[in-house]
PDB file of all heavy atoms in Angstrom:
ATOM      1  N   ALA A   1     185.303  80.572 -31.675  1.00  0.00           N
ATOM      2  CA  ALA A   1     184.631  81.187 -30.507  1.00  0.00           C
ATOM      3  C   ALA A   1     184.128  80.004 -29.496  1.00  0.00           C
ATOM      4  O   ALA A   1     183.831  78.952 -29.943  1.00  0.00           O
ATOM      5  CB  ALA A   1     183.346  81.875 -30.994  1.00  0.00           C
ATOM      6  N   CYS A   2     184.313  80.304 -28.197  1.00  0.00           N
ATOM      7  CA  CYS A   2     183.734  79.435 -27.117  1.00  0.00           C
ATOM      8  C   CYS A   2     182.802  80.376 -26.324  1.00  0.00           C
ATOM      9  O   CYS A   2     182.336  81.392 -26.789  1.00  0.00           O
ATOM     10  CB  CYS A   2     184.885  78.919 -26.311  1.00  0.00           C
ATOM     11  SG  CYS A   2     185.787  80.155 -25.512  1.00  0.00           S
ATOM     12  N   GLY A   3     182.484  79.888 -25.137  1.00  0.00           N
ATOM     13  CA  GLY A   3     181.594  80.672 -24.321  1.00  0.00           C
ATOM     14  C   GLY A   3     182.250  81.919 -23.690  1.00  0.00           C
ATOM     15  O   GLY A   3     181.473  82.650 -23.178  1.00  0.00           O
ATOM     16  N   CYS A   4     183.632  82.080 -23.713  1.00  0.00           N
ATOM     17  CA  CYS A   4     184.219  83.176 -23.028  1.00  0.00           C
ATOM     18  C   CYS A   4     185.018  84.010 -23.919  1.00  0.00           C
ATOM     19  O   CYS A   4     185.193  85.274 -23.635  1.00  0.00           O
ATOM     20  CB  CYS A   4     185.098  82.612 -21.983  1.00  0.00           C
ATOM     21  SG  CYS A   4     186.683  81.899 -22.390  1.00  0.00           S
ATOM     22  N   THR A   5     185.575  83.638 -25.078  1.00  0.00           N
ATOM     23  CA  THR A   5     186.420  84.343 -25.894  1.00  0.00           C
ATOM     24  C   THR A   5     186.268  84.063 -27.271  1.00  0.00           C
ATOM     25  O   THR A   5     185.753  82.986 -27.707  1.00  0.00           O
ATOM     26  CB  THR A   5     187.995  84.024 -25.446  1.00  0.00           C
ATOM     27  OG1 THR A   5     188.032  84.115 -23.992  1.00  0.00           O
ATOM     28  CG2 THR A   5     188.886  85.045 -26.011  1.00  0.00           C
ATOM     29  N   ARG A   6     186.822  84.982 -28.169  1.00  0.00           N
ATOM     30  CA  ARG A   6     186.760  84.758 -29.549  1.00  0.00           C
ATOM     31  C   ARG A   6     188.277  84.906 -29.972  1.00  0.00           C
ATOM     32  O   ARG A   6     188.965  85.914 -29.599  1.00  0.00           O
ATOM     33  CB  ARG A   6     185.986  85.811 -30.419  1.00  0.00           C
ATOM     34  CG  ARG A   6     184.478  85.545 -30.063  1.00  0.00           C
ATOM     35  CD  ARG A   6     183.599  86.219 -31.146  1.00  0.00           C
ATOM     36  NE  ARG A   6     183.856  87.696 -31.194  1.00  0.00           N
ATOM     37  CZ  ARG A   6     183.470  88.447 -32.182  1.00  0.00           C
ATOM     38  NH1 ARG A   6     182.859  87.864 -33.259  1.00  0.00           N
ATOM     39  NH2 ARG A   6     183.654  89.725 -32.157  1.00  0.00           N
ATOM     40  N   TYR A   7     188.834  83.940 -30.788  1.00  0.00           N
ATOM     41  CA  TYR A   7     190.287  83.962 -31.219  1.00  0.00           C
ATOM     42  C   TYR A   7     190.359  83.900 -32.749  1.00  0.00           C
ATOM     43  O   TYR A   7     189.520  83.356 -33.282  1.00  0.00           O
ATOM     44  CB  TYR A   7     190.839  82.651 -30.726  1.00  0.00           C
ATOM     45  CG  TYR A   7     190.863  82.434 -29.161  1.00  0.00           C
ATOM     46  CD1 TYR A   7     189.886  81.588 -28.535  1.00  0.00           C
ATOM     47  CD2 TYR A   7     191.831  83.050 -28.278  1.00  0.00           C
ATOM     48  CE1 TYR A   7     189.902  81.370 -27.191  1.00  0.00           C
ATOM     49  CE2 TYR A   7     191.816  82.833 -26.974  1.00  0.00           C
ATOM     50  CZ  TYR A   7     190.893  82.008 -26.399  1.00  0.00           C
ATOM     51  OH  TYR A   7     190.868  81.834 -25.164  1.00  0.00           O
ATOM     52  N   PRO A   8     191.440  84.646 -33.139  1.00  0.00           N
ATOM     53  CA  PRO A   8     191.565  84.770 -34.619  1.00  0.00           C
ATOM     54  C   PRO A   8     192.226  83.586 -35.159  1.00  0.00           C
ATOM     55  O   PRO A   8     193.078  82.956 -34.485  1.00  0.00           O
ATOM     56  CB  PRO A   8     192.469  86.096 -34.782  1.00  0.00           C
ATOM     57  CG  PRO A   8     193.086  86.088 -33.534  1.00  0.00           C
ATOM     58  CD  PRO A   8     192.312  85.504 -32.483  1.00  0.00           C
ATOM     59  N   VAL A   9     192.013  83.245 -36.493  1.00  0.00           N
ATOM     60  CA  VAL A   9     192.756  82.196 -37.101  1.00  0.00           C
ATOM     61  C   VAL A   9     193.246  83.033 -38.476  1.00  0.00           C
ATOM     62  O   VAL A   9     192.480  83.452 -39.325  1.00  0.00           O
ATOM     63  CB  VAL A   9     191.879  81.080 -37.593  1.00  0.00           C
ATOM     64  CG1 VAL A   9     192.750  80.026 -38.439  1.00  0.00           C
ATOM     65  CG2 VAL A   9     191.318  80.415 -36.405  1.00  0.00           C
ATOM     66  N   LEU A  10     194.494  83.060 -38.515  1.00  0.00           N
ATOM     67  CA  LEU A  10     195.202  83.862 -39.689  1.00  0.00           C
ATOM     68  C   LEU A  10     195.884  82.893 -40.639  1.00  0.00           C
ATOM     69  O   LEU A  10     196.874  82.195 -40.158  1.00  0.00           O
ATOM     70  CB  LEU A  10     196.143  84.933 -39.204  1.00  0.00           C
ATOM     71  CG  LEU A  10     195.589  86.317 -38.906  1.00  0.00           C
ATOM     72  CD1 LEU A  10     196.708  87.173 -38.449  1.00  0.00           C
ATOM     73  CD2 LEU A  10     195.063  86.871 -40.153  1.00  0.00           C
ATOM     74  N   GLU A  11     195.498  82.697 -41.853  1.00  0.00           N
ATOM     75  CA  GLU A  11     196.129  81.859 -42.830  1.00  0.00           C
ATOM     76  C   GLU A  11     196.424  80.457 -42.224  1.00  0.00           C
ATOM     77  O   GLU A  11     197.500  79.939 -42.374  1.00  0.00           O
ATOM     78  CB  GLU A  11     197.352  82.518 -43.346  1.00  0.00           C
ATOM     79  CG  GLU A  11     197.039  83.935 -44.020  1.00  0.00           C
ATOM     80  CD  GLU A  11     198.017  84.317 -44.922  1.00  0.00           C
ATOM     81  OE1 GLU A  11     199.193  83.837 -44.927  1.00  0.00           O
ATOM     82  OE2 GLU A  11     197.835  85.282 -45.820  1.00  0.00           O
ATOM     83  N   GLY A  12     195.393  79.895 -41.646  1.00  0.00           N
ATOM     84  CA  GLY A  12     195.563  78.476 -41.184  1.00  0.00           C
ATOM     85  C   GLY A  12     196.176  78.355 -39.726  1.00  0.00           C
ATOM     86  O   GLY A  12     196.339  77.254 -39.267  1.00  0.00           O
ATOM     87  N   VAL A  13     196.522  79.488 -39.174  1.00  0.00           N
ATOM     88  CA  VAL A  13     197.212  79.487 -37.837  1.00  0.00           C
ATOM     89  C   VAL A  13     196.302  80.076 -36.819  1.00  0.00           C
ATOM     90  O   VAL A  13     196.086  81.247 -36.643  1.00  0.00           O
ATOM     91  CB  VAL A  13     198.544  80.150 -37.869  1.00  0.00           C
ATOM     92  CG1 VAL A  13     199.205  80.204 -36.529  1.00  0.00           C
ATOM     93  CG2 VAL A  13     199.461  79.695 -38.899  1.00  0.00           C
ATOM     94  N   PRO A  14     195.663  79.215 -35.900  1.00  0.00           N
ATOM     95  CA  PRO A  14     194.906  79.791 -34.745  1.00  0.00           C
ATOM     96  C   PRO A  14     195.775  80.465 -33.792  1.00  0.00           C
ATOM     97  O   PRO A  14     196.939  80.073 -33.487  1.00  0.00           O
ATOM     98  CB  PRO A  14     194.327  78.567 -34.111  1.00  0.00           C
ATOM     99  CG  PRO A  14     194.371  77.419 -35.142  1.00  0.00           C
ATOM    100  CD  PRO A  14     195.550  77.806 -35.972  1.00  0.00           C
ATOM    101  N   ILE A  15     195.362  81.643 -33.320  1.00  0.00           N
ATOM    102  CA  ILE A  15     196.021  82.389 -32.237  1.00  0.00           C
ATOM    103  C   ILE A  15     195.238  82.394 -30.963  1.00  0.00           C
ATOM    104  O   ILE A  15     194.212  83.078 -30.773  1.00  0.00           O
ATOM    105  CB  ILE A  15     196.272  83.862 -32.750  1.00  0.00           C
ATOM    106  CG1 ILE A  15     196.965  83.917 -34.045  1.00  0.00           C
ATOM    107  CG2 ILE A  15     196.887  84.645 -31.628  1.00  0.00           C
ATOM    108  CD1 ILE A  15     197.091  85.300 -34.654  1.00  0.00           C
ATOM    109  N   LEU A  16     195.687  81.470 -30.105  1.00  0.00           N
ATOM    110  CA  LEU A  16     194.852  81.134 -28.898  1.00  0.00           C
ATOM    111  C   LEU A  16     195.495  81.748 -27.621  1.00  0.00           C
ATOM    112  O   LEU A  16     195.932  81.025 -26.770  1.00  0.00           O
ATOM    113  CB  LEU A  16     194.755  79.598 -28.745  1.00  0.00           C
ATOM    114  CG  LEU A  16     193.958  78.918 -29.891  1.00  0.00           C
ATOM    115  CD1 LEU A  16     194.397  77.429 -30.030  1.00  0.00           C
ATOM    116  CD2 LEU A  16     192.568  79.211 -29.760  1.00  0.00           C
ATOM    117  N   MET A  17     195.711  82.983 -27.646  1.00  0.00           N
ATOM    118  CA  MET A  17     196.266  83.736 -26.558  1.00  0.00           C
ATOM    119  C   MET A  17     195.668  85.172 -26.503  1.00  0.00           C
ATOM    120  O   MET A  17     195.190  85.667 -27.569  1.00  0.00           O
ATOM    121  CB  MET A  17     197.762  83.710 -26.494  1.00  0.00           C
ATOM    122  CG  MET A  17     198.438  84.336 -27.718  1.00  0.00           C
ATOM    123  SD  MET A  17     200.251  84.163 -27.645  1.00  0.00           S
ATOM    124  CE  MET A  17     200.685  85.181 -29.065  1.00  0.00           C
ATOM    125  N   LYS A  18     195.683  85.775 -25.371  1.00  0.00           N
ATOM    126  CA  LYS A  18     195.242  87.196 -25.305  1.00  0.00           C
ATOM    127  C   LYS A  18     196.222  88.246 -25.138  1.00  0.00           C
ATOM    128  O   LYS A  18     195.935  89.345 -25.181  1.00  0.00           O
ATOM    129  CB  LYS A  18     194.419  87.197 -23.915  1.00  0.00           C
ATOM    130  CG  LYS A  18     193.174  86.205 -24.015  1.00  0.00           C
ATOM    131  CD  LYS A  18     192.414  86.281 -22.628  1.00  0.00           C
ATOM    132  CE  LYS A  18     191.167  85.294 -22.794  1.00  0.00           C
ATOM    133  NZ  LYS A  18     190.367  85.333 -21.505  1.00  0.00           N
ATOM    134  N   ARG A  19     197.569  87.814 -25.154  1.00  0.00           N
ATOM    135  CA  ARG A  19     198.665  88.793 -25.130  1.00  0.00           C
ATOM    136  C   ARG A  19     198.660  89.410 -26.594  1.00  0.00           C
ATOM    137  O   ARG A  19     198.295  88.777 -27.638  1.00  0.00           O
ATOM    138  CB  ARG A  19     199.890  88.283 -24.738  1.00  0.00           C
ATOM    139  CG  ARG A  19     200.373  86.989 -25.657  1.00  0.00           C
ATOM    140  CD  ARG A  19     201.847  86.703 -25.325  1.00  0.00           C
ATOM    141  NE  ARG A  19     202.789  87.716 -25.811  1.00  0.00           N
ATOM    142  CZ  ARG A  19     203.966  87.930 -25.319  1.00  0.00           C
ATOM    143  NH1 ARG A  19     204.450  87.040 -24.407  1.00  0.00           N
ATOM    144  NH2 ARG A  19     204.758  88.826 -25.710  1.00  0.00           N
ATOM    145  N   PRO A  20     199.502  90.622 -26.751  1.00  0.00           N
ATOM    146  CA  PRO A  20     199.611  91.061 -28.110  1.00  0.00           C
ATOM    147  C   PRO A  20     200.423  90.069 -28.982  1.00  0.00           C
ATOM    148  O   PRO A  20     201.204  89.377 -28.634  1.00  0.00           O
ATOM    149  CB  PRO A  20     200.433  92.289 -27.861  1.00  0.00           C
ATOM    150  CG  PRO A  20     200.213  92.682 -26.476  1.00  0.00           C
ATOM    151  CD  PRO A  20     200.047  91.400 -25.724  1.00  0.00           C
ATOM    152  N   VAL A  21     200.094  90.142 -30.308  1.00  0.00           N
ATOM    153  CA  VAL A  21     200.710  89.289 -31.314  1.00  0.00           C
ATOM    154  C   VAL A  21     201.675  90.106 -32.133  1.00  0.00           C
ATOM    155  O   VAL A  21     201.332  90.674 -33.119  1.00  0.00           O
ATOM    156  CB  VAL A  21     199.542  88.697 -32.272  1.00  0.00           C
ATOM    157  CG1 VAL A  21     200.228  87.645 -33.213  1.00  0.00           C
ATOM    158  CG2 VAL A  21     198.472  87.982 -31.452  1.00  0.00           C
ATOM    159  N   GLY A  22     202.932  90.086 -31.637  1.00  0.00           N
ATOM    160  CA  GLY A  22     203.888  90.984 -32.269  1.00  0.00           C
ATOM    161  C   GLY A  22     205.150  90.149 -32.480  1.00  0.00           C
ATOM    162  O   GLY A  22     205.148  88.959 -32.615  1.00  0.00           O
ATOM    163  N   ILE A  23     206.314  90.860 -32.492  1.00  0.00           N
ATOM    164  CA  ILE A  23     207.603  90.334 -32.688  1.00  0.00           C
ATOM    165  C   ILE A  23     208.391  90.226 -31.387  1.00  0.00           C
ATOM    166  O   ILE A  23     208.561  91.388 -30.763  1.00  0.00           O
ATOM    167  CB  ILE A  23     208.500  91.080 -33.762  1.00  0.00           C
ATOM    168  CG1 ILE A  23     207.641  91.311 -34.945  1.00  0.00           C
ATOM    169  CG2 ILE A  23     209.780  90.409 -33.999  1.00  0.00           C
ATOM    170  CD1 ILE A  23     207.319  90.028 -35.820  1.00  0.00           C
ATOM    171  N   ILE A  24     208.860  89.074 -30.928  1.00  0.00           N
ATOM    172  CA  ILE A  24     209.357  88.947 -29.590  1.00  0.00           C
ATOM    173  C   ILE A  24     210.899  88.636 -29.727  1.00  0.00           C
ATOM    174  O   ILE A  24     211.306  87.815 -30.667  1.00  0.00           O
ATOM    175  CB  ILE A  24     208.724  87.747 -28.876  1.00  0.00           C
ATOM    176  CG1 ILE A  24     207.233  88.160 -28.678  1.00  0.00           C
ATOM    177  CG2 ILE A  24     209.362  87.607 -27.431  1.00  0.00           C
ATOM    178  CD1 ILE A  24     206.388  86.995 -28.190  1.00  0.00           C
ATOM    179  N   SER A  25     211.698  89.241 -28.965  1.00  0.00           N
ATOM    180  CA  SER A  25     213.137  89.086 -28.979  1.00  0.00           C
ATOM    181  C   SER A  25     213.623  87.810 -28.584  1.00  0.00           C
ATOM    182  O   SER A  25     213.149  87.255 -27.609  1.00  0.00           O
ATOM    183  CB  SER A  25     213.776  90.270 -28.135  1.00  0.00           C
ATOM    184  OG  SER A  25     215.244  89.975 -28.136  1.00  0.00           O
ATOM    185  N   HIS A  26     214.648  87.245 -29.299  1.00  0.00           N
ATOM    186  CA  HIS A  26     215.213  85.995 -28.904  1.00  0.00           C
ATOM    187  C   HIS A  26     216.220  86.240 -27.872  1.00  0.00           C
ATOM    188  O   HIS A  26     216.808  85.167 -27.342  1.00  0.00           O
ATOM    189  CB  HIS A  26     215.760  85.169 -30.180  1.00  0.00           C
ATOM    190  CG  HIS A  26     214.809  84.570 -30.971  1.00  0.00           C
ATOM    191  ND1 HIS A  26     214.283  83.243 -30.750  1.00  0.00           N
ATOM    192  CD2 HIS A  26     214.077  84.956 -32.062  1.00  0.00           C
ATOM    193  CE1 HIS A  26     213.418  82.957 -31.737  1.00  0.00           C
ATOM    194  NE2 HIS A  26     213.276  84.031 -32.447  1.00  0.00           N
ATOM    195  N   TRP A  27     216.609  87.431 -27.533  1.00  0.00           N
ATOM    196  CA  TRP A  27     217.608  87.754 -26.629  1.00  0.00           C
ATOM    197  C   TRP A  27     217.010  87.537 -25.227  1.00  0.00           C
ATOM    198  O   TRP A  27     217.614  86.939 -24.306  1.00  0.00           O
ATOM    199  CB  TRP A  27     218.205  89.050 -26.762  1.00  0.00           C
ATOM    200  CG  TRP A  27     219.172  89.243 -27.906  1.00  0.00           C
ATOM    201  CD1 TRP A  27     219.092  90.203 -28.995  1.00  0.00           C
ATOM    202  CD2 TRP A  27     220.444  88.665 -28.130  1.00  0.00           C
ATOM    203  NE1 TRP A  27     220.061  90.097 -29.806  1.00  0.00           N
ATOM    204  CE2 TRP A  27     220.964  89.126 -29.227  1.00  0.00           C
ATOM    205  CE3 TRP A  27     221.201  87.705 -27.357  1.00  0.00           C
ATOM    206  CZ2 TRP A  27     222.318  88.792 -29.681  1.00  0.00           C
ATOM    207  CZ3 TRP A  27     222.392  87.248 -27.835  1.00  0.00           C
ATOM    208  CH2 TRP A  27     222.955  87.709 -29.013  1.00  0.00           C
ATOM    209  N   ASP A  28     215.935  88.290 -24.985  1.00  0.00           N
ATOM    210  CA  ASP A  28     215.307  88.423 -23.678  1.00  0.00           C
ATOM    211  C   ASP A  28     213.852  88.245 -23.559  1.00  0.00           C
ATOM    212  O   ASP A  28     213.238  88.530 -22.553  1.00  0.00           O
ATOM    213  CB  ASP A  28     215.845  89.792 -23.114  1.00  0.00           C
ATOM    214  CG  ASP A  28     215.401  90.911 -23.877  1.00  0.00           C
ATOM    215  OD1 ASP A  28     214.666  90.731 -24.849  1.00  0.00           O
ATOM    216  OD2 ASP A  28     215.958  92.060 -23.657  1.00  0.00           O
ATOM    217  N   ASP A  29     213.338  87.860 -24.650  1.00  0.00           N
ATOM    218  CA  ASP A  29     211.836  87.609 -24.757  1.00  0.00           C
ATOM    219  C   ASP A  29     210.903  88.848 -24.387  1.00  0.00           C
ATOM    220  O   ASP A  29     209.757  88.881 -24.116  1.00  0.00           O
ATOM    221  CB  ASP A  29     211.334  86.587 -23.639  1.00  0.00           C
ATOM    222  CG  ASP A  29     211.604  85.140 -24.045  1.00  0.00           C
ATOM    223  OD1 ASP A  29     212.033  84.979 -25.170  1.00  0.00           O
ATOM    224  OD2 ASP A  29     211.674  84.318 -23.123  1.00  0.00           O
ATOM    225  N   THR A  30     211.607  90.079 -24.698  1.00  0.00           N
ATOM    226  CA  THR A  30     210.831  91.332 -24.669  1.00  0.00           C
ATOM    227  C   THR A  30     210.248  91.553 -25.980  1.00  0.00           C
ATOM    228  O   THR A  30     210.534  91.005 -27.063  1.00  0.00           O
ATOM    229  CB  THR A  30     211.777  92.513 -24.220  1.00  0.00           C
ATOM    230  OG1 THR A  30     212.859  92.574 -25.234  1.00  0.00           O
ATOM    231  CG2 THR A  30     212.390  92.285 -22.851  1.00  0.00           C
ATOM    232  N   ASP A  31     209.281  92.525 -26.027  1.00  0.00           N
ATOM    233  CA  ASP A  31     208.485  92.770 -27.271  1.00  0.00           C
ATOM    234  C   ASP A  31     209.337  93.789 -28.087  1.00  0.00           C
ATOM    235  O   ASP A  31     209.636  94.849 -27.733  1.00  0.00           O
ATOM    236  CB  ASP A  31     207.217  93.470 -27.133  1.00  0.00           C
ATOM    237  CG  ASP A  31     206.248  92.475 -26.485  1.00  0.00           C
ATOM    238  OD1 ASP A  31     206.184  91.340 -26.889  1.00  0.00           O
ATOM    239  OD2 ASP A  31     205.353  92.802 -25.590  1.00  0.00           O
ATOM    240  N   ILE A  32     209.700  93.418 -29.304  1.00  0.00           N
ATOM    241  CA  ILE A  32     210.290  94.323 -30.257  1.00  0.00           C
ATOM    242  C   ILE A  32     209.279  95.128 -30.955  1.00  0.00           C
ATOM    243  O   ILE A  32     209.308  96.380 -31.166  1.00  0.00           O
ATOM    244  CB  ILE A  32     211.100  93.542 -31.348  1.00  0.00           C
ATOM    245  CG1 ILE A  32     212.362  92.865 -30.770  1.00  0.00           C
ATOM    246  CG2 ILE A  32     211.455  94.452 -32.560  1.00  0.00           C
ATOM    247  CD1 ILE A  32     212.986  91.878 -31.762  1.00  0.00           C
ATOM    248  N   SER A  33     208.135  94.520 -31.230  1.00  0.00           N
ATOM    249  CA  SER A  33     206.899  95.178 -31.721  1.00  0.00           C
ATOM    250  C   SER A  33     205.739  94.420 -31.033  1.00  0.00           C
ATOM    251  O   SER A  33     205.537  93.317 -31.144  1.00  0.00           O
ATOM    252  CB  SER A  33     206.760  95.080 -33.267  1.00  0.00           C
ATOM    253  OG  SER A  33     205.455  95.648 -33.684  1.00  0.00           O
ATOM    254  N   GLN A  34     204.957  95.343 -30.308  1.00  0.00           N
ATOM    255  CA  GLN A  34     203.919  94.762 -29.475  1.00  0.00           C
ATOM    256  C   GLN A  34     202.919  94.053 -30.224  1.00  0.00           C
ATOM    257  O   GLN A  34     202.319  92.926 -29.866  1.00  0.00           O
ATOM    258  CB  GLN A  34     203.316  95.727 -28.482  1.00  0.00           C
ATOM    259  CG  GLN A  34     202.502  95.133 -27.375  1.00  0.00           C
ATOM    260  CD  GLN A  34     202.243  96.019 -26.294  1.00  0.00           C
ATOM    261  OE1 GLN A  34     201.455  97.101 -26.619  1.00  0.00           O
ATOM    262  NE2 GLN A  34     202.714  95.854 -25.144  1.00  0.00           N
ATOM    263  N   GLY A  35     202.431  94.659 -31.489  1.00  0.00           N
ATOM    264  CA  GLY A  35     201.477  94.034 -32.216  1.00  0.00           C
ATOM    265  C   GLY A  35     200.052  94.201 -31.670  1.00  0.00           C
ATOM    266  O   GLY A  35     199.819  94.674 -30.527  1.00  0.00           O
TER     267      GLY A  35
END
C-alpha cells in the first residue's frame, strides 16, 4: 500500500499494475482470459 493504491502480492510476486491479471496471448497480446 502507498498513498494512492493497494497492490496484491501473490506467493512472493508483487502485482504492480491496475489492468486485469489474466492470460495474455503471445500471438497478438490480446486477453485469452481477462482475469
